[in-house]
Amino acid sequence: MVRPAPDQDPEAPPEAFGGPLTGDEQAAEEAPAADTPSEEAQAPEGESEAERIDRLFAELKRTADQREAQRIAGRIERSWRNSGSATVDLLMRRAAQAIGHKQGAVALDVLDQALVLDPDFTEAWNRRATAHFGLGDLGKSLADIEQVLAREPRHWGAMMGLALILERTGREAQALTAYQEVLNVYPALKSAQDAVGRLSEKLTGPEI
């Protein structure tokens, strides 16, 4: 995360809200991941999807290497983006494209449709938080972040979004706590590490 000048808002890290999908990422969504066979070979027999996610989060917490952590995080994110409904998945891709083109109102309309079809789909709430943030409506973004974290408390993208909003609205001590909570889930996330270092120095002064 780039350290902002004193008179600027903190820059949004790419992990905040989980960022919109690029064309390459969308293609990856439609094709089997390169690491899928090895993961399936290592997975315990009869492992449920919830157990798989818990196992990946445990691996993510143990991993200090950033590249390995990104690989594990990517597996988790692919699971989050799978709604189990072809229609909802299509709406999510359309919303991601709209967000990527800064068409926030279009994205909100599409995401509202997705949430009508599946009100408990965590990633739809997360993407809607992203769209509200992009439109500058931080209050609505926070409300949607609460919905995300109520369903998946380990969602580091939503946690990063929460921390960023807290920091932008002058609640730096709370933002620091939120960034630290991100690192409890995803210790190798550099943007969160940088934010903790930057805010710790600002709030307590540099170490002598």
Protein backbone atom coordinates (compact mmCIF):
# COMPACT_ATOMS: atom_id res chain seq x y z
CA MET A 1 0.00 0.00 0.00
CA VAL A 2 1.47 3.34 -1.05
CA ARG A 3 1.81 5.76 1.82
CA PRO A 4 -0.36 8.81 1.03
CA ALA A 5 0.75 12.39 1.40
CA PRO A 6 -0.52 14.03 4.62
CA ASP A 7 -3.32 15.85 2.78
CA GLN A 8 -4.52 12.85 0.78
CA ASP A 9 -6.88 10.01 1.54
CA PRO A 10 -5.16 6.63 1.96
CA GLU A 11 -4.98 4.78 -1.32
CA ALA A 12 -7.34 1.83 -1.66
CA PRO A 13 -5.26 -1.36 -1.77
CA PRO A 14 -6.24 -3.91 -4.44
CA GLU A 15 -7.41 -6.30 -1.72
CA ALA A 16 -10.04 -3.88 -0.41
CA PHE A 17 -13.40 -5.49 -1.14
CA GLY A 18 -11.65 -8.05 -3.33
CA GLY A 19 -11.39 -5.72 -6.36
CA PRO A 20 -13.32 -6.16 -9.63
CA LEU A 21 -12.47 -9.10 -11.85
CA THR A 22 -10.27 -8.45 -14.86
CA GLY A 23 -10.73 -10.26 -18.14
CA ASP A 24 -7.96 -12.72 -17.26
CA GLU A 25 -9.54 -13.46 -13.87
CA GLN A 26 -12.93 -14.01 -15.48
CA ALA A 27 -11.37 -16.51 -17.86
CA ALA A 28 -9.80 -18.26 -14.89
CA GLU A 29 -13.24 -18.48 -13.28
CA GLU A 30 -14.51 -20.44 -16.27
CA ALA A 31 -11.53 -22.82 -16.48
CA PRO A 32 -10.22 -25.28 -13.90
CA ALA A 33 -7.47 -23.78 -11.76
CA ALA A 34 -3.98 -25.08 -12.46
CA ASP A 35 -3.55 -26.13 -8.83
CA THR A 36 -6.88 -27.96 -8.55
CA PRO A 37 -5.63 -31.55 -9.21
CA SER A 38 -2.88 -31.35 -6.59
CA GLU A 39 -5.27 -29.81 -4.08
CA GLU A 40 -7.84 -32.52 -4.66
CA ALA A 41 -5.14 -35.15 -4.28
CA GLN A 42 -4.17 -33.71 -0.91
CA ALA A 43 -7.72 -33.11 0.35
CA PRO A 44 -9.04 -35.56 2.94
CA GLU A 45 -11.56 -38.02 1.56
CA GLY A 46 -15.13 -36.86 2.06
CA GLU A 47 -14.11 -33.30 2.91
CA SER A 48 -17.06 -30.89 2.71
CA GLU A 49 -16.77 -27.44 1.12
CA ALA A 50 -16.97 -25.79 4.55
CA GLU A 51 -14.20 -28.07 5.84
CA ARG A 52 -12.11 -27.28 2.75
CA ILE A 53 -12.44 -23.53 3.35
CA ASP A 54 -11.51 -23.96 7.01
CA ARG A 55 -8.44 -25.97 5.98
CA LEU A 56 -7.38 -23.31 3.47
CA PHE A 57 -7.78 -20.56 6.06
CA ALA A 58 -5.60 -22.57 8.47
CA GLU A 59 -2.95 -22.86 5.74
CA LEU A 60 -3.26 -19.14 4.98
CA LYS A 61 -2.68 -18.27 8.64
CA ARG A 62 0.45 -20.45 8.81
CA THR A 63 1.99 -19.16 5.58
CA ALA A 64 4.57 -16.39 5.73
CA ASP A 65 5.56 -16.57 2.04
CA GLN A 66 3.54 -13.99 0.08
CA ARG A 67 3.39 -15.93 -3.18
CA GLU A 68 2.18 -19.07 -1.45
CA ALA A 69 -0.32 -17.03 0.56
CA GLN A 70 -1.67 -15.44 -2.63
CA ARG A 71 -2.12 -18.91 -4.14
CA ILE A 72 -4.09 -20.10 -1.09
CA ALA A 73 -6.10 -16.86 -0.99
CA GLY A 74 -6.96 -17.32 -4.65
CA ARG A 75 -8.46 -20.73 -3.91
CA ILE A 76 -10.61 -19.23 -1.17
CA GLU A 77 -11.72 -16.36 -3.39
CA ARG A 78 -12.73 -18.76 -6.17
CA SER A 79 -14.93 -20.59 -3.68
CA TRP A 80 -16.46 -17.31 -2.51
CA ARG A 81 -17.34 -16.34 -6.08
CA ASN A 82 -19.12 -19.62 -6.76
CA SER A 83 -22.78 -19.04 -5.92
CA GLY A 84 -23.97 -22.41 -7.17
CA SER A 85 -26.33 -20.63 -9.58
CA ALA A 86 -25.39 -19.96 -13.20
CA THR A 87 -27.74 -16.96 -13.25
CA VAL A 88 -26.27 -15.38 -10.12
CA ASP A 89 -22.74 -16.04 -11.35
CA LEU A 90 -23.57 -14.29 -14.63
CA LEU A 91 -24.98 -11.30 -12.76
CA MET A 92 -21.85 -11.18 -10.61
CA ARG A 93 -19.62 -11.10 -13.70
CA ARG A 94 -21.71 -8.27 -15.15
CA ALA A 95 -21.47 -6.36 -11.88
CA ALA A 96 -17.69 -6.84 -11.77
CA GLN A 97 -17.39 -5.49 -15.31
CA ALA A 98 -19.53 -2.47 -14.41
CA ILE A 99 -17.43 -1.76 -11.32
CA GLY A 100 -14.27 -2.10 -13.40
CA HIS A 101 -15.65 0.52 -15.82
CA LYS A 102 -16.70 2.76 -12.90
CA GLN A 103 -20.39 2.27 -13.69
CA GLY A 104 -21.46 2.07 -10.07
CA ALA A 105 -25.17 2.63 -10.64
CA VAL A 106 -25.28 -0.19 -13.20
CA ALA A 107 -23.40 -2.47 -10.82
CA LEU A 108 -25.83 -1.72 -7.99
CA ASP A 109 -28.82 -2.56 -10.16
CA VAL A 110 -27.30 -5.90 -11.19
CA LEU A 111 -26.23 -6.75 -7.64
CA ASP A 112 -29.70 -5.97 -6.32
CA GLN A 113 -31.01 -8.55 -8.79
CA ALA A 114 -28.44 -11.09 -7.58
CA LEU A 115 -29.42 -10.52 -3.95
CA VAL A 116 -33.11 -10.97 -4.75
CA LEU A 117 -32.23 -14.39 -6.18
CA ASP A 118 -29.82 -15.29 -3.35
CA PRO A 119 -30.02 -13.00 -0.29
CA ASP A 120 -27.39 -15.06 1.55
CA PHE A 121 -24.70 -14.92 -1.15
CA THR A 122 -21.86 -13.26 0.72
CA GLU A 123 -19.92 -12.12 -2.33
CA ALA A 124 -22.92 -10.23 -3.73
CA TRP A 125 -23.03 -8.17 -0.53
CA ASN A 126 -19.27 -7.63 -0.80
CA ARG A 127 -19.48 -6.44 -4.40
CA ARG A 128 -22.34 -4.13 -3.50
CA ALA A 129 -20.19 -2.66 -0.74
CA THR A 130 -17.55 -2.10 -3.43
CA ALA A 131 -20.03 -0.32 -5.70
CA HIS A 132 -21.28 1.94 -2.90
CA PHE A 133 -17.69 2.77 -1.97
CA GLY A 134 -16.90 3.67 -5.56
CA LEU A 135 -19.87 6.05 -5.60
CA GLY A 136 -18.68 7.67 -2.38
CA ASP A 137 -21.56 6.36 -0.26
CA LEU A 138 -19.50 5.14 2.68
CA GLY A 139 -22.51 4.63 4.95
CA LYS A 140 -24.17 2.16 2.58
CA SER A 141 -20.82 0.53 1.94
CA LEU A 142 -20.39 -0.03 5.68
CA ALA A 143 -23.88 -1.48 5.95
CA ASP A 144 -23.08 -4.01 3.24
CA ILE A 145 -19.71 -4.81 4.83
CA GLU A 146 -21.60 -5.69 8.01
CA GLN A 147 -23.68 -8.14 5.98
CA VAL A 148 -20.52 -9.70 4.55
CA LEU A 149 -18.80 -10.11 7.89
CA ALA A 150 -21.94 -11.49 9.52
CA ARG A 151 -21.80 -14.32 6.96
CA GLU A 152 -18.01 -14.71 6.68
CA PRO A 153 -16.06 -13.01 9.50
CA ARG A 154 -12.77 -13.97 7.82
CA HIS A 155 -13.47 -12.07 4.59
CA TRP A 156 -10.26 -10.06 4.38
CA GLY A 157 -11.47 -8.00 1.41
CA ALA A 158 -14.44 -6.68 3.39
CA MET A 159 -12.20 -6.21 6.43
CA MET A 160 -9.76 -4.16 4.34
CA GLY A 161 -12.68 -2.10 3.04
CA LEU A 162 -13.87 -1.49 6.60
CA ALA A 163 -10.38 -0.43 7.70
CA LEU A 164 -10.04 1.89 4.72
CA ILE A 165 -13.37 3.59 5.44
CA LEU A 166 -12.47 4.00 9.11
CA GLU A 167 -9.15 5.56 8.12
CA ARG A 168 -10.74 7.89 5.57
CA THR A 169 -13.26 9.10 8.12
CA GLY A 170 -10.60 9.92 10.70
CA ARG A 171 -11.08 6.93 12.99
CA GLU A 172 -7.46 5.88 12.77
CA ALA A 173 -7.22 3.89 16.01
CA GLN A 174 -10.22 1.80 14.94
CA ALA A 175 -8.73 1.45 11.47
CA LEU A 176 -5.48 0.15 12.99
CA THR A 177 -7.43 -2.46 14.93
CA ALA A 178 -9.26 -3.49 11.76
CA TYR A 179 -6.01 -3.85 9.80
CA GLN A 180 -4.58 -5.94 12.66
CA GLU A 181 -7.65 -8.18 12.46
CA VAL A 182 -6.93 -8.66 8.75
CA LEU A 183 -3.44 -9.88 9.64
CA ASN A 184 -4.92 -12.35 12.14
CA VAL A 185 -6.62 -13.98 9.15
CA TYR A 186 -4.09 -13.29 6.37
CA PRO A 187 -0.69 -12.57 8.00
CA ALA A 188 1.21 -12.31 4.70
CA LEU A 189 -1.01 -9.58 3.20
CA LYS A 190 1.51 -6.83 2.49
CA SER A 191 -0.98 -3.96 2.12
CA ALA A 192 -2.34 -4.72 5.60
CA GLN A 193 1.20 -5.02 6.99
CA ASP A 194 2.09 -1.65 5.48
CA ALA A 195 -1.09 -0.04 6.84
CA VAL A 196 -0.41 -1.34 10.36
CA GLY A 197 3.14 -0.01 10.23
CA ARG A 198 2.04 3.36 8.89
CA LEU A 199 -0.79 3.88 11.37
CA SER A 200 1.21 2.55 14.32
CA GLU A 201 3.92 5.09 13.57
CA LYS A 202 1.38 7.88 13.16
CA LEU A 203 -0.50 7.09 16.37
CA THR A 204 2.41 6.25 18.66
CA GLY A 205 5.40 7.88 16.96
CA PRO A 206 8.45 6.17 15.48
CA GLU A 207 10.38 3.74 17.64
CA ILE A 208 13.63 5.14 19.05
